[in-house]
Amino acid sequence: MNTQILDSIPIWLLVVLITVLFSIAVELGFRVGKFKHDRLEDVQNQQVSTILGASLGLLAFFLAFTFNMAGSRYDDRKKLVLEEVNTIETTYLRAQLLPEPYRTEKKDLLRKYINVRAQLQTANWETVRQVIAESEELHNLLWSKVVTLAENRNYSVVTPLFVGSLNDVFDLHSKRINAGLRNRIPISIFLSLYFAAFLAMALMGYQAGLNGKRAPIASFALVLTFAIVMTLITDLERPHQNIFSVSQQAMVDLKHKVGRTL
């Protein structure tokens, strides 16, 4: 699995770390600016203000860009859950039209498959690995039954439709793995974002040092705001979010619905 370094950091700790990091940047910038307070002309001070404004604007653009990327992937994961549920339900309904004993075999295997997929509702990393392994085992078993059905020539006109739906189920499994675990925002983008924010915070402190005045409450509010926004973006892009979570309730509902058809 393509697990990024940031995935292992608890969300509350990430907020604290980013806040502390940015506060250090502001303090370092302030000390450097205060040291040069009496050595710079007003024109240079104005240049710093212009650069600070441009830096914060660029940082805001970078945040919006990264948020859009993370939000797009989050939406894709939600859509794939519903698409998978609909495809599995269609496959289950078509399995009811197969001749015996294949009808019962396929229905039982699909029920088991739904139960496995529903475990992702409260999943940790170990459960995710187990669900993926069990799902792929069931794929092989379902396909072997289809091969047996074809070899025995004991099939009806609905068999090709069932096979097509079953292939879609397999494909959606792969799509969900790619969307949730592999198709991630590169860690280099996050590191670049943090670095750009660190420099912007340092420049903000530097300007305050040049002016010889602190605004600790306003500075901390800005630092905390950026820390929260960046934490939300990081959590939004995680496969298993603490704040934003992709609900598996549709799969759980399908599990109950199929269970009532026994």
Protein backbone atom coordinates (compact mmCIF):
# COMPACT_ATOMS: atom_id res chain seq x y z
CA MET A 1 0.00 0.00 0.00
CA ASN A 2 1.20 3.48 -0.83
CA THR A 3 1.12 4.78 2.72
CA GLN A 4 2.50 8.26 3.15
CA ILE A 5 4.46 9.47 6.16
CA LEU A 6 1.70 11.85 7.19
CA ASP A 7 -0.85 9.01 7.41
CA SER A 8 0.74 7.67 10.59
CA ILE A 9 0.43 10.99 12.48
CA PRO A 10 -2.78 11.39 14.55
CA ILE A 11 -4.87 14.34 13.44
CA TRP A 12 -4.66 16.17 16.78
CA LEU A 13 -0.90 15.78 16.86
CA LEU A 14 -0.62 17.08 13.30
CA VAL A 15 -2.44 20.30 14.27
CA VAL A 16 -0.10 20.77 17.23
CA LEU A 17 3.02 20.07 15.18
CA ILE A 18 2.06 22.48 12.39
CA THR A 19 1.10 25.18 14.89
CA VAL A 20 4.41 24.82 16.75
CA LEU A 21 6.37 24.76 13.49
CA PHE A 22 4.75 27.92 12.18
CA SER A 23 5.10 29.66 15.55
CA ILE A 24 8.82 28.89 15.48
CA ALA A 25 9.01 30.35 11.97
CA VAL A 26 7.30 33.57 13.12
CA GLU A 27 9.60 33.85 16.12
CA LEU A 28 12.75 33.27 14.09
CA GLY A 29 11.64 35.81 11.51
CA PHE A 30 10.85 38.34 14.23
CA ARG A 31 14.26 37.98 15.86
CA VAL A 32 16.06 38.43 12.56
CA GLY A 33 13.89 41.42 11.68
CA LYS A 34 14.44 43.01 15.09
CA PHE A 35 18.19 42.55 14.72
CA LYS A 36 18.10 44.50 11.45
CA HIS A 37 15.52 47.01 12.65
CA ASP A 38 17.92 49.94 12.79
CA ARG A 39 19.90 49.00 9.67
CA LEU A 40 17.25 49.16 6.94
CA GLU A 41 15.69 52.12 5.20
CA ASP A 42 11.96 52.68 4.91
CA VAL A 43 12.03 51.79 1.23
CA GLN A 44 13.40 48.35 2.06
CA ASN A 45 10.74 47.91 4.73
CA GLN A 46 8.07 48.65 2.14
CA GLN A 47 9.62 46.08 -0.16
CA VAL A 48 9.33 43.46 2.58
CA SER A 49 5.63 44.31 2.98
CA THR A 50 5.10 43.85 -0.75
CA ILE A 51 6.94 40.53 -0.73
CA LEU A 52 4.95 39.35 2.31
CA GLY A 53 1.67 40.13 0.58
CA ALA A 54 2.78 38.25 -2.52
CA SER A 55 3.94 35.28 -0.42
CA LEU A 56 0.66 35.01 1.46
CA GLY A 57 -1.26 35.29 -1.80
CA LEU A 58 0.84 32.54 -3.34
CA LEU A 59 0.36 30.39 -0.25
CA ALA A 60 -3.42 30.87 -0.44
CA PHE A 61 -3.35 29.82 -4.10
CA PHE A 62 -1.23 26.77 -3.22
CA LEU A 63 -3.68 25.82 -0.45
CA ALA A 64 -6.66 26.16 -2.80
CA PHE A 65 -4.92 24.06 -5.44
CA THR A 66 -4.06 21.28 -3.00
CA PHE A 67 -7.51 21.38 -1.40
CA ASN A 68 -9.10 20.99 -4.83
CA MET A 69 -6.92 17.95 -5.57
CA ALA A 70 -7.74 16.32 -2.22
CA GLY A 71 -11.45 17.14 -2.53
CA SER A 72 -11.62 15.65 -6.02
CA ARG A 73 -10.12 12.37 -4.81
CA TYR A 74 -12.47 12.35 -1.82
CA ASP A 75 -15.49 12.74 -4.13
CA ASP A 76 -14.18 9.93 -6.35
CA ARG A 77 -13.96 7.58 -3.38
CA LYS A 78 -17.55 8.35 -2.37
CA LYS A 79 -18.84 7.80 -5.90
CA LEU A 80 -17.02 4.48 -6.20
CA VAL A 81 -18.67 3.15 -3.03
CA LEU A 82 -22.15 3.78 -4.45
CA GLU A 83 -21.14 2.45 -7.85
CA GLU A 84 -19.79 -0.73 -6.31
CA VAL A 85 -22.92 -1.25 -4.21
CA ASN A 86 -25.18 -0.87 -7.26
CA THR A 87 -23.02 -3.22 -9.33
CA ILE A 88 -22.93 -5.91 -6.63
CA GLU A 89 -26.70 -5.68 -6.17
CA THR A 90 -27.22 -6.02 -9.94
CA THR A 91 -24.92 -9.05 -10.00
CA TYR A 92 -26.80 -10.62 -7.10
CA LEU A 93 -30.16 -10.13 -8.82
CA ARG A 94 -28.87 -11.66 -12.03
CA ALA A 95 -27.45 -14.61 -10.08
CA GLN A 96 -31.03 -15.48 -9.11
CA LEU A 97 -31.74 -16.24 -12.78
CA LEU A 98 -28.95 -18.78 -13.11
CA PRO A 99 -29.77 -22.50 -13.18
CA GLU A 100 -29.22 -24.61 -10.10
CA PRO A 101 -26.89 -25.46 -8.43
CA TYR A 102 -25.02 -22.38 -9.68
CA ARG A 103 -27.76 -20.04 -8.51
CA THR A 104 -27.36 -20.95 -4.85
CA GLU A 105 -23.56 -21.08 -5.06
CA LYS A 106 -23.29 -17.62 -6.60
CA LYS A 107 -25.79 -16.07 -4.21
CA ASP A 108 -23.96 -17.49 -1.18
CA LEU A 109 -20.59 -16.28 -2.46
CA LEU A 110 -21.95 -12.84 -3.22
CA ARG A 111 -23.49 -12.58 0.25
CA LYS A 112 -20.13 -13.45 1.72
CA TYR A 113 -18.49 -10.88 -0.53
CA ILE A 114 -20.91 -8.18 0.61
CA ASN A 115 -20.26 -9.05 4.25
CA VAL A 116 -16.52 -8.70 3.66
CA ARG A 117 -16.86 -5.34 1.90
CA ALA A 118 -19.15 -4.02 4.66
CA GLN A 119 -16.30 -4.43 7.16
CA LEU A 120 -14.73 -1.27 5.72
CA GLN A 121 -17.32 0.80 7.62
CA THR A 122 -15.19 0.65 10.79
CA ALA A 123 -11.90 -0.36 9.27
CA ASN A 124 -8.36 0.09 10.47
CA TRP A 125 -5.30 -0.62 8.34
CA GLU A 126 -5.17 -4.26 9.36
CA THR A 127 -8.85 -4.72 8.49
CA VAL A 128 -8.29 -3.06 5.11
CA ARG A 129 -5.51 -5.52 4.25
CA GLN A 130 -7.70 -8.40 5.34
CA VAL A 131 -10.70 -7.15 3.32
CA ILE A 132 -8.55 -6.81 0.19
CA ALA A 133 -7.11 -10.30 0.59
CA GLU A 134 -10.51 -11.92 1.27
CA SER A 135 -12.12 -10.00 -1.60
CA GLU A 136 -9.53 -11.23 -4.08
CA GLU A 137 -9.92 -14.80 -2.83
CA LEU A 138 -13.65 -14.54 -3.43
CA HIS A 139 -12.98 -13.11 -6.89
CA ASN A 140 -11.01 -16.22 -7.78
CA LEU A 141 -13.68 -18.50 -6.34
CA LEU A 142 -16.53 -16.72 -8.12
CA TRP A 143 -14.68 -16.83 -11.42
CA SER A 144 -13.85 -20.51 -11.05
CA LYS A 145 -17.58 -21.19 -10.63
CA VAL A 146 -18.29 -19.22 -13.81
CA VAL A 147 -15.68 -21.26 -15.68
CA THR A 148 -17.31 -24.45 -14.43
CA LEU A 149 -20.69 -23.18 -15.57
CA ALA A 150 -19.36 -22.44 -19.04
CA GLU A 151 -17.54 -25.77 -19.35
CA ASN A 152 -20.68 -27.69 -18.46
CA ARG A 153 -22.65 -25.67 -21.02
CA ASN A 154 -25.35 -25.44 -18.39
CA TYR A 155 -26.16 -21.80 -18.91
CA SER A 156 -29.01 -19.61 -20.03
CA VAL A 157 -29.31 -16.32 -21.89
CA VAL A 158 -28.79 -14.45 -18.61
CA THR A 159 -25.36 -16.01 -18.05
CA PRO A 160 -23.45 -13.47 -20.21
CA LEU A 161 -25.19 -10.65 -18.34
CA PHE A 162 -24.14 -12.16 -15.03
CA VAL A 163 -20.55 -12.57 -16.24
CA GLY A 164 -20.48 -8.93 -17.37
CA SER A 165 -21.73 -7.72 -13.98
CA LEU A 166 -19.22 -9.91 -12.20
CA ASN A 167 -16.39 -8.41 -14.25
CA ASP A 168 -17.64 -4.95 -13.25
CA VAL A 169 -17.48 -6.01 -9.59
CA PHE A 170 -13.85 -7.05 -10.02
CA ASP A 171 -13.03 -3.80 -11.84
CA LEU A 172 -14.60 -1.65 -9.13
CA HIS A 173 -12.54 -3.43 -6.50
CA SER A 174 -9.40 -2.40 -8.37
CA LYS A 175 -10.70 1.14 -8.88
CA ARG A 176 -11.35 1.56 -5.16
CA ILE A 177 -7.84 0.37 -4.33
CA ASN A 178 -6.35 2.81 -6.82
CA ALA A 179 -8.52 5.73 -5.68
CA GLY A 180 -8.05 5.13 -1.96
CA LEU A 181 -4.55 3.74 -1.60
CA ARG A 182 -2.50 4.35 -4.73
CA ASN A 183 -3.77 7.45 -6.51
CA ARG A 184 -2.54 9.82 -3.83
CA ILE A 185 -1.31 13.39 -3.85
CA PRO A 186 2.51 13.07 -3.96
CA ILE A 187 4.24 13.66 -0.65
CA SER A 188 6.46 16.18 -2.45
CA ILE A 189 3.44 18.48 -2.90
CA PHE A 190 2.67 18.39 0.81
CA LEU A 191 6.31 19.03 1.72
CA SER A 192 6.43 21.94 -0.73
CA LEU A 193 3.22 23.32 0.77
CA TYR A 194 4.59 23.12 4.32
CA PHE A 195 7.86 24.70 3.24
CA ALA A 196 6.11 27.57 1.46
CA ALA A 197 3.91 28.16 4.52
CA PHE A 198 6.95 28.08 6.83
CA LEU A 199 8.69 30.74 4.73
CA ALA A 200 5.56 32.90 4.63
CA MET A 201 5.21 32.72 8.43
CA ALA A 202 8.90 33.55 8.86
CA LEU A 203 8.53 36.53 6.52
CA MET A 204 5.52 37.72 8.52
CA GLY A 205 7.60 37.61 11.70
CA TYR A 206 10.47 39.32 9.89
CA GLN A 207 8.30 42.26 8.93
CA ALA A 208 7.04 42.57 12.52
CA GLY A 209 10.66 42.64 13.68
CA LEU A 210 11.52 45.38 11.20
CA ASN A 211 8.65 47.46 12.56
CA GLY A 212 9.77 46.71 16.11
CA LYS A 213 6.24 45.76 17.13
CA ARG A 214 4.61 42.42 17.90
CA ALA A 215 0.99 41.43 17.41
CA PRO A 216 1.04 38.08 19.21
CA ILE A 217 -2.71 37.45 19.25
CA ALA A 218 -3.19 38.26 15.57
CA SER A 219 -0.07 36.29 14.60
CA PHE A 220 -1.16 33.24 16.57
CA ALA A 221 -4.66 33.42 15.08
CA LEU A 222 -3.20 33.43 11.57
CA VAL A 223 -0.79 30.61 12.39
CA LEU A 224 -3.60 28.51 13.89
CA THR A 225 -5.85 29.19 10.90
CA PHE A 226 -3.24 28.01 8.43
CA ALA A 227 -2.47 24.99 10.63
CA ILE A 228 -6.14 23.96 10.73
CA VAL A 229 -6.63 24.40 6.98
CA MET A 230 -3.51 22.39 6.16
CA THR A 231 -4.54 19.66 8.60
CA LEU A 232 -7.97 19.44 6.97
CA ILE A 233 -6.36 19.08 3.54
CA THR A 234 -4.05 16.36 4.85
CA ASP A 235 -6.91 14.47 6.47
CA LEU A 236 -9.15 14.87 3.41
CA GLU A 237 -6.55 13.09 1.28
CA ARG A 238 -5.99 10.19 3.68
CA PRO A 239 -7.50 6.80 2.79
CA HIS A 240 -9.06 6.61 6.27
CA GLN A 241 -9.87 10.04 7.55
CA ASN A 242 -10.44 11.16 11.11
CA ILE A 243 -12.60 14.16 10.20
CA PHE A 244 -13.73 13.39 6.65
CA SER A 245 -14.78 9.77 6.24
CA VAL A 246 -16.18 7.96 3.23
CA SER A 247 -19.32 6.31 4.55
CA GLN A 248 -19.78 2.63 3.78
CA GLN A 249 -23.40 2.73 4.96
CA ALA A 250 -24.71 1.91 1.47
CA MET A 251 -22.77 -1.37 1.58
CA VAL A 252 -24.05 -2.08 5.09
CA ASP A 253 -27.61 -1.44 3.89
CA LEU A 254 -27.06 -3.84 1.00
CA LYS A 255 -25.80 -6.44 3.46
CA HIS A 256 -29.04 -6.19 5.45
CA LYS A 257 -31.15 -6.16 2.28
CA VAL A 258 -29.50 -9.29 0.87
CA GLY A 259 -29.74 -10.97 4.26
CA ARG A 260 -33.52 -10.61 4.19
CA THR A 261 -33.71 -12.48 0.88
CA LEU A 262 -32.42 -15.75 2.37
